[in-house]
């Protein structure tokens, strides 16, 4: 089977135009190009690999629904990634609210292990738990700064969007993104102890 071709980022505009007329193949290509970025973004937002998978699915399902309803604007950026990350941010909020409801329900159910055995977790699963624990600590710190500052940290620092891309995706001037980013860095520097900056750089 031939390897999937690597697309130039600038080809996103062509795919986006096809998506605007509900071209399913265009959606599939956009998914293959950007789902990893959305997944990593969602993990940083939710601190859960499982929730991140839900966010990826919800983001592209929402995109497809908008395409079929004819509600997708023209792409003004070279890449669709910043817009998809902003969409993923909204979907992450929905997933987190749903997971909290599920957790509250689970807390009401008494689970009894009748076998007396201890589950055998693989090394990979243990590593994922460590990742989630570490990211959860980072999220708690990031949640102490204003939401609009968090957005630019997630887009520019973590997801490596340019200032221009973040500004277009958020619908604000570039100067606003720069000032929010500067304020976020100053605020985080005040919150962080020496040696606790891992994950924010």
N, C-alpha and C. Protein backbone atom coordinates (compact mmCIF):
# COMPACT_ATOMS: atom_id res chain seq x y z
N UNK A 1 0.85 -1.20 0.00
CA UNK A 1 0.00 0.00 0.00
C UNK A 1 0.88 1.24 0.00
N UNK A 2 0.61 2.18 -0.87
CA UNK A 2 1.44 3.37 -0.99
C UNK A 2 1.27 4.26 0.23
N UNK A 3 2.36 4.92 0.61
CA UNK A 3 2.31 5.83 1.76
C UNK A 3 1.45 7.03 1.41
N UNK A 4 0.78 7.54 2.41
CA UNK A 4 -0.07 8.72 2.20
C UNK A 4 0.81 9.92 1.89
N UNK A 5 0.52 10.68 0.84
CA UNK A 5 1.39 11.80 0.48
C UNK A 5 1.40 12.88 1.54
N UNK A 6 2.54 13.56 1.66
CA UNK A 6 2.64 14.71 2.56
C UNK A 6 2.14 15.96 1.82
N UNK A 7 1.19 16.64 2.41
CA UNK A 7 0.62 17.82 1.76
C UNK A 7 1.31 19.08 2.25
N UNK A 8 1.42 20.05 1.39
CA UNK A 8 1.88 21.37 1.82
C UNK A 8 0.77 22.01 2.63
N UNK A 9 1.17 22.74 3.67
CA UNK A 9 0.17 23.37 4.53
C UNK A 9 -0.73 24.30 3.75
N UNK A 10 -0.16 24.96 2.73
CA UNK A 10 -0.95 25.93 1.96
C UNK A 10 -2.09 25.26 1.20
N UNK A 11 -2.04 23.95 1.00
CA UNK A 11 -3.13 23.26 0.31
C UNK A 11 -4.41 23.21 1.16
N UNK A 12 -4.32 23.60 2.42
CA UNK A 12 -5.50 23.60 3.27
C UNK A 12 -6.60 24.48 2.68
N UNK A 13 -6.23 25.55 2.03
CA UNK A 13 -7.26 26.45 1.49
C UNK A 13 -8.09 25.74 0.42
N UNK A 14 -7.45 24.93 -0.40
CA UNK A 14 -8.19 24.17 -1.42
C UNK A 14 -9.12 23.16 -0.75
N UNK A 15 -8.59 22.45 0.25
CA UNK A 15 -9.41 21.48 0.96
C UNK A 15 -10.59 22.17 1.66
N UNK A 16 -10.32 23.33 2.22
CA UNK A 16 -11.36 24.05 2.95
C UNK A 16 -12.49 24.47 2.01
N UNK A 17 -12.12 24.91 0.80
CA UNK A 17 -13.14 25.28 -0.17
C UNK A 17 -14.00 24.07 -0.54
N UNK A 18 -13.36 22.92 -0.69
CA UNK A 18 -14.12 21.69 -0.98
C UNK A 18 -14.99 21.30 0.20
N UNK A 19 -14.48 21.51 1.40
CA UNK A 19 -15.26 21.20 2.60
C UNK A 19 -16.50 22.08 2.68
N UNK A 20 -16.37 23.32 2.26
CA UNK A 20 -17.49 24.26 2.32
C UNK A 20 -18.68 23.80 1.48
N UNK A 21 -18.42 22.91 0.51
CA UNK A 21 -19.52 22.34 -0.28
C UNK A 21 -19.73 20.87 0.11
N UNK A 22 -19.34 20.55 1.36
CA UNK A 22 -19.60 19.23 1.95
C UNK A 22 -18.92 18.09 1.20
N UNK A 23 -17.66 18.29 0.83
CA UNK A 23 -16.86 17.23 0.20
C UNK A 23 -16.28 16.37 1.32
N UNK A 24 -16.76 15.13 1.43
CA UNK A 24 -16.35 14.24 2.51
C UNK A 24 -14.86 13.88 2.43
N UNK A 25 -14.33 13.76 1.22
CA UNK A 25 -12.91 13.44 1.05
C UNK A 25 -12.04 14.58 1.60
N UNK A 26 -12.49 15.81 1.44
CA UNK A 26 -11.75 16.95 1.97
C UNK A 26 -11.70 16.90 3.50
N UNK A 27 -12.83 16.52 4.11
CA UNK A 27 -12.86 16.37 5.56
C UNK A 27 -11.86 15.30 6.00
N UNK A 28 -11.82 14.17 5.29
CA UNK A 28 -10.91 13.09 5.63
C UNK A 28 -9.46 13.55 5.54
N UNK A 29 -9.14 14.33 4.50
CA UNK A 29 -7.77 14.81 4.35
C UNK A 29 -7.41 15.80 5.45
N UNK A 30 -8.33 16.67 5.81
CA UNK A 30 -8.08 17.60 6.90
C UNK A 30 -7.89 16.85 8.21
N UNK A 31 -8.66 15.80 8.40
CA UNK A 31 -8.51 14.99 9.61
C UNK A 31 -7.12 14.37 9.67
N UNK A 32 -6.66 13.78 8.56
CA UNK A 32 -5.35 13.14 8.55
C UNK A 32 -4.22 14.16 8.75
N UNK A 33 -4.43 15.37 8.27
CA UNK A 33 -3.39 16.38 8.44
C UNK A 33 -3.31 16.92 9.86
N UNK A 34 -4.47 17.13 10.49
CA UNK A 34 -4.50 17.92 11.71
C UNK A 34 -5.01 17.20 12.96
N UNK A 35 -5.42 15.95 12.86
CA UNK A 35 -5.98 15.28 14.04
C UNK A 35 -4.95 15.11 15.15
N UNK A 36 -3.68 14.88 14.79
CA UNK A 36 -2.65 14.74 15.83
C UNK A 36 -2.49 16.04 16.61
N UNK A 37 -2.50 17.16 15.89
CA UNK A 37 -2.37 18.46 16.56
C UNK A 37 -3.57 18.72 17.47
N UNK A 38 -4.75 18.38 16.99
CA UNK A 38 -5.96 18.55 17.80
C UNK A 38 -5.91 17.65 19.03
N UNK A 39 -5.43 16.42 18.83
CA UNK A 39 -5.33 15.45 19.93
C UNK A 39 -4.39 15.96 21.02
N UNK A 40 -3.22 16.43 20.63
CA UNK A 40 -2.26 16.94 21.60
C UNK A 40 -2.78 18.18 22.31
N UNK A 41 -3.43 19.05 21.55
CA UNK A 41 -4.04 20.25 22.14
C UNK A 41 -5.11 19.84 23.16
N UNK A 42 -5.94 18.88 22.78
CA UNK A 42 -7.04 18.45 23.65
C UNK A 42 -6.52 17.79 24.91
N UNK A 43 -5.42 17.06 24.80
CA UNK A 43 -4.85 16.43 25.99
C UNK A 43 -4.37 17.50 26.97
N UNK A 44 -3.73 18.52 26.45
CA UNK A 44 -3.26 19.59 27.32
C UNK A 44 -4.42 20.34 27.95
N UNK A 45 -5.54 20.41 27.26
CA UNK A 45 -6.71 21.10 27.79
C UNK A 45 -7.45 20.24 28.83
N UNK A 46 -7.51 18.91 28.60
CA UNK A 46 -8.32 18.05 29.46
C UNK A 46 -7.51 17.23 30.47
N UNK A 47 -6.20 17.08 30.23
CA UNK A 47 -5.32 16.24 31.06
C UNK A 47 -5.75 14.77 31.03
N UNK A 48 -6.41 14.36 29.96
CA UNK A 48 -6.87 12.97 29.84
C UNK A 48 -6.75 12.52 28.39
N UNK A 49 -6.05 11.40 28.17
CA UNK A 49 -5.91 10.88 26.81
C UNK A 49 -7.27 10.45 26.26
N UNK A 50 -8.08 9.81 27.11
CA UNK A 50 -9.40 9.35 26.66
C UNK A 50 -10.28 10.53 26.28
N UNK A 51 -10.26 11.56 27.11
CA UNK A 51 -11.06 12.76 26.80
C UNK A 51 -10.54 13.44 25.54
N UNK A 52 -9.23 13.42 25.35
CA UNK A 52 -8.65 14.02 24.14
C UNK A 52 -9.17 13.33 22.89
N UNK A 53 -9.30 12.01 22.95
CA UNK A 53 -9.85 11.28 21.80
C UNK A 53 -11.29 11.71 21.54
N UNK A 54 -12.05 11.90 22.61
CA UNK A 54 -13.44 12.36 22.46
C UNK A 54 -13.49 13.75 21.84
N UNK A 55 -12.54 14.60 22.23
CA UNK A 55 -12.51 15.97 21.70
C UNK A 55 -12.20 15.96 20.20
N UNK A 56 -11.26 15.11 19.79
CA UNK A 56 -10.92 15.02 18.36
C UNK A 56 -12.16 14.62 17.57
N UNK A 57 -12.84 13.59 18.03
CA UNK A 57 -14.04 13.12 17.32
C UNK A 57 -15.10 14.22 17.28
N UNK A 58 -15.33 14.86 18.43
CA UNK A 58 -16.36 15.90 18.50
C UNK A 58 -16.02 17.09 17.60
N UNK A 59 -14.75 17.43 17.52
CA UNK A 59 -14.33 18.58 16.72
C UNK A 59 -14.61 18.35 15.24
N UNK A 60 -14.23 17.18 14.75
CA UNK A 60 -14.41 16.92 13.32
C UNK A 60 -15.87 16.61 12.98
N UNK A 61 -16.60 16.03 13.92
CA UNK A 61 -18.04 15.84 13.70
C UNK A 61 -18.73 17.20 13.61
N UNK A 62 -18.36 18.12 14.51
CA UNK A 62 -18.95 19.46 14.48
C UNK A 62 -18.59 20.18 13.18
N UNK A 63 -17.35 19.99 12.73
CA UNK A 63 -16.92 20.62 11.48
C UNK A 63 -17.74 20.09 10.30
N UNK A 64 -17.97 18.79 10.28
CA UNK A 64 -18.74 18.18 9.20
C UNK A 64 -20.20 18.63 9.23
N UNK A 65 -20.76 18.75 10.42
CA UNK A 65 -22.14 19.24 10.53
C UNK A 65 -22.26 20.66 9.99
N UNK A 66 -21.27 21.49 10.31
CA UNK A 66 -21.28 22.86 9.81
C UNK A 66 -21.13 22.87 8.29
N UNK A 67 -20.31 21.96 7.77
CA UNK A 67 -20.12 21.90 6.32
C UNK A 67 -21.42 21.50 5.63
N UNK A 68 -22.09 20.50 6.16
CA UNK A 68 -23.34 20.05 5.55
C UNK A 68 -24.45 21.08 5.66
N UNK A 69 -24.35 21.94 6.68
CA UNK A 69 -25.35 22.99 6.84
C UNK A 69 -24.97 24.26 6.07
N UNK A 70 -23.80 24.24 5.39
CA UNK A 70 -23.35 25.40 4.64
C UNK A 70 -22.96 26.57 5.52
N UNK A 71 -22.42 26.27 6.69
CA UNK A 71 -22.11 27.31 7.67
C UNK A 71 -20.61 27.46 7.91
N UNK A 72 -19.79 27.18 6.91
CA UNK A 72 -18.35 27.34 7.06
C UNK A 72 -17.89 28.54 6.24
N UNK A 73 -17.23 29.48 6.91
CA UNK A 73 -16.70 30.66 6.23
C UNK A 73 -15.44 30.30 5.45
N UNK A 74 -15.03 31.18 4.57
CA UNK A 74 -13.79 30.96 3.82
C UNK A 74 -12.60 30.96 4.77
N UNK A 75 -11.59 30.17 4.43
CA UNK A 75 -10.36 30.11 5.22
C UNK A 75 -9.45 31.27 4.81
N UNK A 76 -9.12 32.13 5.76
CA UNK A 76 -8.27 33.28 5.46
C UNK A 76 -6.81 33.03 5.85
N UNK A 77 -6.55 31.89 6.47
CA UNK A 77 -5.19 31.50 6.85
C UNK A 77 -4.65 30.48 5.87
N UNK A 78 -3.34 30.30 5.87
CA UNK A 78 -2.75 29.27 5.02
C UNK A 78 -3.07 27.87 5.54
N UNK A 79 -3.22 27.76 6.86
CA UNK A 79 -3.48 26.46 7.49
C UNK A 79 -4.80 26.50 8.24
N UNK A 80 -5.50 25.38 8.25
CA UNK A 80 -6.75 25.27 9.01
C UNK A 80 -6.50 24.94 10.48
N UNK A 81 -5.26 24.61 10.82
CA UNK A 81 -4.95 24.14 12.16
C UNK A 81 -5.38 25.12 13.27
N UNK A 82 -5.06 26.41 13.20
CA UNK A 82 -5.48 27.30 14.29
C UNK A 82 -6.99 27.32 14.51
N UNK A 83 -7.76 27.32 13.43
CA UNK A 83 -9.22 27.30 13.57
C UNK A 83 -9.70 26.00 14.21
N UNK A 84 -9.10 24.89 13.80
CA UNK A 84 -9.47 23.60 14.38
C UNK A 84 -9.14 23.54 15.87
N UNK A 85 -8.04 24.16 16.26
CA UNK A 85 -7.67 24.17 17.67
C UNK A 85 -8.64 25.01 18.49
N UNK A 86 -9.09 26.12 17.92
CA UNK A 86 -10.10 26.93 18.62
C UNK A 86 -11.39 26.13 18.77
N UNK A 87 -11.80 25.45 17.70
CA UNK A 87 -12.98 24.59 17.78
C UNK A 87 -12.79 23.51 18.84
N UNK A 88 -11.60 22.92 18.88
CA UNK A 88 -11.31 21.87 19.87
C UNK A 88 -11.41 22.41 21.29
N UNK A 89 -11.05 23.69 21.46
CA UNK A 89 -11.18 24.29 22.78
C UNK A 89 -12.62 24.32 23.26
N UNK A 90 -13.53 24.66 22.35
CA UNK A 90 -14.96 24.65 22.70
C UNK A 90 -15.43 23.23 23.01
N UNK A 91 -15.03 22.28 22.17
CA UNK A 91 -15.46 20.90 22.36
C UNK A 91 -14.87 20.31 23.64
N UNK A 92 -13.66 20.73 24.00
CA UNK A 92 -13.04 20.25 25.24
C UNK A 92 -13.89 20.64 26.45
N UNK A 93 -14.43 21.85 26.40
CA UNK A 93 -15.30 22.28 27.48
C UNK A 93 -16.52 21.39 27.61
N UNK A 94 -17.10 21.02 26.46
CA UNK A 94 -18.26 20.13 26.48
C UNK A 94 -17.90 18.76 27.03
N UNK A 95 -16.75 18.23 26.59
CA UNK A 95 -16.31 16.91 27.05
C UNK A 95 -16.03 16.91 28.55
N UNK A 96 -15.40 17.98 29.03
CA UNK A 96 -15.10 18.06 30.46
C UNK A 96 -16.37 18.12 31.30
N UNK A 97 -17.36 18.88 30.81
CA UNK A 97 -18.62 18.95 31.55
C UNK A 97 -19.30 17.59 31.57
N UNK A 98 -19.25 16.88 30.45
CA UNK A 98 -19.86 15.55 30.38
C UNK A 98 -19.13 14.57 31.29
N UNK A 99 -17.80 14.65 31.33
CA UNK A 99 -17.03 13.73 32.17
C UNK A 99 -17.28 13.98 33.64
N UNK A 100 -17.49 15.26 34.02
CA UNK A 100 -17.80 15.57 35.41
C UNK A 100 -19.16 15.00 35.81
N UNK A 101 -20.11 15.08 34.87
CA UNK A 101 -21.42 14.49 35.16
C UNK A 101 -21.31 12.99 35.33
N UNK A 102 -20.49 12.35 34.46
CA UNK A 102 -20.31 10.91 34.55
C UNK A 102 -19.61 10.53 35.85
N UNK A 103 -18.63 11.32 36.25
CA UNK A 103 -17.90 11.04 37.49
C UNK A 103 -18.84 11.15 38.69
N UNK A 104 -19.73 12.15 38.66
CA UNK A 104 -20.67 12.30 39.76
C UNK A 104 -21.61 11.10 39.85
N UNK A 105 -22.01 10.59 38.68
CA UNK A 105 -22.87 9.41 38.67
C UNK A 105 -22.12 8.19 39.18
N UNK A 106 -20.87 8.03 38.76
CA UNK A 106 -20.07 6.88 39.17
C UNK A 106 -19.84 6.88 40.67
N UNK A 107 -19.68 8.07 41.24
CA UNK A 107 -19.46 8.18 42.68
C UNK A 107 -20.63 7.62 43.48
N UNK A 108 -21.79 7.57 42.86
CA UNK A 108 -22.97 7.08 43.57
C UNK A 108 -23.09 5.56 43.50
N UNK A 109 -22.26 4.95 42.69
CA UNK A 109 -22.34 3.51 42.50
C UNK A 109 -21.22 2.82 43.26
N UNK A 110 -21.55 1.90 44.12
CA UNK A 110 -20.53 1.17 44.86
C UNK A 110 -20.04 0.01 44.01
N UNK A 111 -18.75 0.02 43.68
CA UNK A 111 -18.17 -1.03 42.85
C UNK A 111 -17.45 -2.03 43.75
N UNK A 112 -17.83 -3.29 43.67
CA UNK A 112 -17.25 -4.33 44.52
C UNK A 112 -16.47 -5.31 43.65
N UNK A 113 -15.18 -5.49 43.95
CA UNK A 113 -14.35 -6.44 43.22
C UNK A 113 -14.48 -7.80 43.90
N UNK A 114 -15.24 -8.69 43.28
CA UNK A 114 -15.49 -10.00 43.87
C UNK A 114 -14.38 -11.00 43.59
N UNK A 115 -13.48 -10.65 42.69
CA UNK A 115 -12.44 -11.61 42.31
C UNK A 115 -11.24 -11.56 43.24
N UNK A 116 -11.02 -10.43 43.88
CA UNK A 116 -9.87 -10.28 44.75
C UNK A 116 -8.56 -10.15 44.00
N UNK A 117 -8.61 -9.97 42.68
CA UNK A 117 -7.40 -9.85 41.88
C UNK A 117 -7.08 -8.39 41.63
N UNK A 118 -5.82 -8.14 41.35
CA UNK A 118 -5.37 -6.79 41.04
C UNK A 118 -5.15 -6.68 39.55
N UNK A 119 -5.74 -5.68 38.90
CA UNK A 119 -5.56 -5.54 37.45
C UNK A 119 -4.08 -5.40 37.10
N UNK A 120 -3.68 -5.98 35.98
CA UNK A 120 -2.30 -5.91 35.51
C UNK A 120 -2.21 -4.82 34.46
N UNK A 121 -1.72 -3.67 34.85
CA UNK A 121 -1.62 -2.55 33.92
C UNK A 121 -0.30 -2.63 33.18
N UNK A 122 -0.34 -2.38 31.90
CA UNK A 122 0.88 -2.39 31.09
C UNK A 122 1.72 -1.17 31.40
N UNK A 123 3.01 -1.24 31.03
CA UNK A 123 3.89 -0.11 31.21
C UNK A 123 3.41 1.10 30.46
N UNK A 124 2.84 0.86 29.27
CA UNK A 124 2.34 1.98 28.47
C UNK A 124 1.20 2.68 29.18
N UNK A 125 0.30 1.88 29.76
CA UNK A 125 -0.83 2.47 30.47
C UNK A 125 -0.35 3.28 31.67
N UNK A 126 0.66 2.75 32.38
CA UNK A 126 1.20 3.46 33.53
C UNK A 126 1.83 4.78 33.10
N UNK A 127 2.51 4.76 31.96
CA UNK A 127 3.12 6.00 31.46
C UNK A 127 2.06 7.03 31.11
N UNK A 128 0.93 6.55 30.54
CA UNK A 128 -0.15 7.47 30.20
C UNK A 128 -0.74 8.10 31.45
N UNK A 129 -0.84 7.31 32.51
CA UNK A 129 -1.34 7.84 33.77
C UNK A 129 -0.40 8.91 34.31
N UNK A 130 0.92 8.64 34.22
CA UNK A 130 1.91 9.63 34.66
C UNK A 130 1.78 10.91 33.84
N UNK A 131 1.59 10.76 32.52
CA UNK A 131 1.41 11.92 31.66
C UNK A 131 0.19 12.73 32.11
N UNK A 132 -0.89 12.03 32.39
CA UNK A 132 -2.12 12.70 32.79
C UNK A 132 -1.95 13.41 34.13
N UNK A 133 -1.23 12.77 35.06
CA UNK A 133 -0.99 13.39 36.37
C UNK A 133 -0.16 14.67 36.21
N UNK A 134 0.89 14.57 35.41
CA UNK A 134 1.75 15.73 35.18
C UNK A 134 0.99 16.86 34.50
N UNK A 135 0.20 16.52 33.46
CA UNK A 135 -0.55 17.55 32.75
C UNK A 135 -1.64 18.14 33.63
N UNK A 136 -2.21 17.32 34.51
CA UNK A 136 -3.23 17.83 35.42
C UNK A 136 -2.64 18.90 36.35
N UNK A 137 -1.41 18.68 36.80
CA UNK A 137 -0.74 19.67 37.65
C UNK A 137 -0.49 20.96 36.87
N UNK A 138 -0.06 20.80 35.61
CA UNK A 138 0.19 21.96 34.77
C UNK A 138 -1.10 22.72 34.51
N UNK A 139 -2.20 21.98 34.25
CA UNK A 139 -3.49 22.64 33.99
C UNK A 139 -3.95 23.43 35.21
N UNK A 140 -3.75 22.87 36.40
CA UNK A 140 -4.18 23.59 37.60
C UNK A 140 -3.46 24.93 37.71
N UNK A 141 -2.19 24.94 37.34
CA UNK A 141 -1.44 26.18 37.35
C UNK A 141 -1.96 27.14 36.28
N UNK A 142 -2.16 26.61 35.07
CA UNK A 142 -2.61 27.46 33.97
C UNK A 142 -4.01 28.00 34.22
N UNK A 143 -4.82 27.24 34.93
CA UNK A 143 -6.18 27.68 35.22
C UNK A 143 -6.23 28.88 36.18
N UNK A 144 -5.08 29.24 36.73
CA UNK A 144 -5.02 30.37 37.66
C UNK A 144 -4.82 31.70 36.93
N UNK A 145 -4.67 31.65 35.61
CA UNK A 145 -4.59 32.89 34.84
C UNK A 145 -5.88 33.06 34.05
N UNK A 146 -6.19 34.27 33.60
CA UNK A 146 -7.46 34.51 32.87
C UNK A 146 -7.60 33.64 31.62
N UNK A 147 -8.83 33.30 31.28
CA UNK A 147 -9.11 32.39 30.16
C UNK A 147 -8.53 32.90 28.84
N UNK A 148 -8.61 34.19 28.59
CA UNK A 148 -8.12 34.73 27.31
C UNK A 148 -6.60 34.64 27.22
N UNK A 149 -5.93 34.71 28.37
CA UNK A 149 -4.49 34.52 28.39
C UNK A 149 -4.14 33.04 28.19
N UNK A 150 -4.94 32.16 28.78
CA UNK A 150 -4.73 30.72 28.59
C UNK A 150 -4.83 30.35 27.12
N UNK A 151 -5.80 30.93 26.43
CA UNK A 151 -6.00 30.63 25.01
C UNK A 151 -4.74 30.88 24.19
N UNK A 152 -4.11 32.02 24.44
CA UNK A 152 -2.94 32.33 23.62
C UNK A 152 -1.74 31.48 24.02
N UNK A 153 -1.64 31.10 25.29
CA UNK A 153 -0.58 30.18 25.71
C UNK A 153 -0.75 28.85 25.00
N UNK A 154 -1.99 28.35 24.95
CA UNK A 154 -2.27 27.07 24.31
C UNK A 154 -1.99 27.11 22.82
N UNK A 155 -2.36 28.21 22.18
CA UNK A 155 -2.19 28.30 20.73
C UNK A 155 -0.75 28.61 20.32
N UNK A 156 -0.16 29.61 20.95
CA UNK A 156 1.16 30.09 20.51
C UNK A 156 2.30 29.28 21.10
N UNK A 157 2.27 29.03 22.41
CA UNK A 157 3.39 28.33 23.06
C UNK A 157 3.27 26.83 22.87
N UNK A 158 2.12 26.27 23.20
CA UNK A 158 1.99 24.81 23.14
C UNK A 158 1.77 24.29 21.73
N UNK A 159 0.93 24.95 20.96
CA UNK A 159 0.58 24.44 19.63
C UNK A 159 1.39 25.07 18.51
N UNK A 160 2.27 26.01 18.85
CA UNK A 160 3.21 26.61 17.91
C UNK A 160 2.53 27.34 16.74
N UNK A 161 1.37 27.94 17.02
CA UNK A 161 0.75 28.81 16.02
C UNK A 161 1.50 30.14 16.05
N UNK A 162 1.54 30.81 14.92
CA UNK A 162 2.15 32.14 14.88
C UNK A 162 1.19 33.14 15.53
N UNK A 163 1.73 34.32 15.86
CA UNK A 163 0.88 35.38 16.42
C UNK A 163 -0.25 35.71 15.45
N UNK A 164 0.09 35.78 14.15
CA UNK A 164 -0.92 36.10 13.14
C UNK A 164 -2.00 35.02 13.07
N UNK A 165 -1.58 33.75 13.10
CA UNK A 165 -2.56 32.65 13.05
C UNK A 165 -3.48 32.68 14.26
N UNK A 166 -2.89 32.87 15.43
CA UNK A 166 -3.71 32.91 16.65
C UNK A 166 -4.69 34.07 16.61
N UNK A 167 -4.22 35.22 16.12
CA UNK A 167 -5.09 36.39 16.04
C UNK A 167 -6.28 36.14 15.12
N UNK A 168 -6.00 35.57 13.95
CA UNK A 168 -7.09 35.29 12.99
C UNK A 168 -8.06 34.26 13.58
N UNK A 169 -7.52 33.22 14.18
CA UNK A 169 -8.37 32.15 14.71
C UNK A 169 -9.26 32.66 15.84
N UNK A 170 -8.73 33.57 16.66
CA UNK A 170 -9.49 34.10 17.79
C UNK A 170 -10.32 35.32 17.43
N UNK A 171 -10.06 35.87 16.23
CA UNK A 171 -10.81 37.04 15.79
C UNK A 171 -10.44 38.32 16.53
N UNK A 172 -9.14 38.45 16.87
CA UNK A 172 -8.67 39.65 17.57
C UNK A 172 -7.43 40.18 16.85
N UNK A 173 -7.04 41.44 17.10
CA UNK A 173 -5.82 41.98 16.48
C UNK A 173 -4.57 41.26 16.99
N UNK A 174 -3.52 41.28 16.18
CA UNK A 174 -2.26 40.65 16.57
C UNK A 174 -1.71 41.27 17.85
N UNK A 175 -1.86 42.59 17.99
CA UNK A 175 -1.37 43.27 19.19
C UNK A 175 -2.03 42.74 20.46
N UNK A 176 -3.30 42.36 20.33
CA UNK A 176 -4.02 41.81 21.48
C UNK A 176 -3.43 40.47 21.89
N UNK A 177 -3.12 39.64 20.89
CA UNK A 177 -2.51 38.35 21.19
C UNK A 177 -1.16 38.56 21.87
N UNK A 178 -0.37 39.49 21.35
CA UNK A 178 0.95 39.75 21.94
C UNK A 178 0.84 40.22 23.38
N UNK A 179 -0.09 41.12 23.64
CA UNK A 179 -0.22 41.65 25.00
C UNK A 179 -0.75 40.58 25.96
N UNK A 180 -1.70 39.75 25.48
CA UNK A 180 -2.20 38.66 26.33
C UNK A 180 -1.10 37.67 26.65
N UNK A 181 -0.27 37.38 25.64
CA UNK A 181 0.82 36.43 25.84
C UNK A 181 1.84 36.99 26.84
N UNK A 182 2.15 38.27 26.70
CA UNK A 182 3.10 38.89 27.63
C UNK A 182 2.56 38.88 29.05
N UNK A 183 1.27 39.20 29.21
CA UNK A 183 0.67 39.19 30.54
C UNK A 183 0.64 37.78 31.12
N UNK A 184 0.36 36.80 30.25
CA UNK A 184 0.33 35.41 30.71
C UNK A 184 1.70 34.97 31.21
N UNK A 185 2.74 35.32 30.47
CA UNK A 185 4.09 34.93 30.88
C UNK A 185 4.47 35.58 32.20
N UNK A 186 4.10 36.85 32.36
CA UNK A 186 4.41 37.55 33.60
C UNK A 186 3.66 36.91 34.77
N UNK A 187 2.39 36.62 34.54
CA UNK A 187 1.57 36.03 35.61
C UNK A 187 2.08 34.64 35.98
N UNK A 188 2.41 33.83 34.99
CA UNK A 188 2.91 32.48 35.25
C UNK A 188 4.26 32.51 35.95
N UNK A 189 5.10 33.46 35.56
CA UNK A 189 6.41 33.58 36.20
C UNK A 189 6.25 33.87 37.69
N UNK A 190 5.21 34.63 38.03
CA UNK A 190 4.95 34.92 39.43
C UNK A 190 4.40 33.74 40.19
N UNK A 191 3.73 32.83 39.47
CA UNK A 191 3.11 31.67 40.12
C UNK A 191 4.06 30.48 40.26
N UNK A 192 4.98 30.40 39.32
CA UNK A 192 5.85 29.22 39.28
C UNK A 192 7.03 29.34 40.22
N UNK A 193 7.33 28.24 40.88
CA UNK A 193 8.57 28.16 41.66
C UNK A 193 9.69 27.72 40.73
N UNK A 194 10.90 27.95 41.13
CA UNK A 194 12.06 27.54 40.34
C UNK A 194 12.00 26.04 40.08
N UNK A 195 12.16 25.67 38.78
CA UNK A 195 12.20 24.25 38.44
C UNK A 195 10.86 23.63 38.15
N UNK A 196 9.77 24.45 38.11
CA UNK A 196 8.45 23.88 37.86
C UNK A 196 7.89 24.34 36.51
N UNK A 197 8.76 24.79 35.62
CA UNK A 197 8.29 25.31 34.34
C UNK A 197 8.12 24.24 33.29
N UNK A 198 8.42 22.99 33.59
CA UNK A 198 8.31 21.94 32.59
C UNK A 198 6.89 21.82 32.09
N UNK A 199 6.73 21.76 30.75
CA UNK A 199 5.41 21.62 30.17
C UNK A 199 4.83 22.93 29.69
N UNK A 200 5.44 24.06 30.13
CA UNK A 200 4.94 25.36 29.70
C UNK A 200 5.87 26.01 28.70
N UNK A 201 6.93 25.34 28.32
CA UNK A 201 7.88 25.91 27.37
C UNK A 201 7.81 25.20 26.05
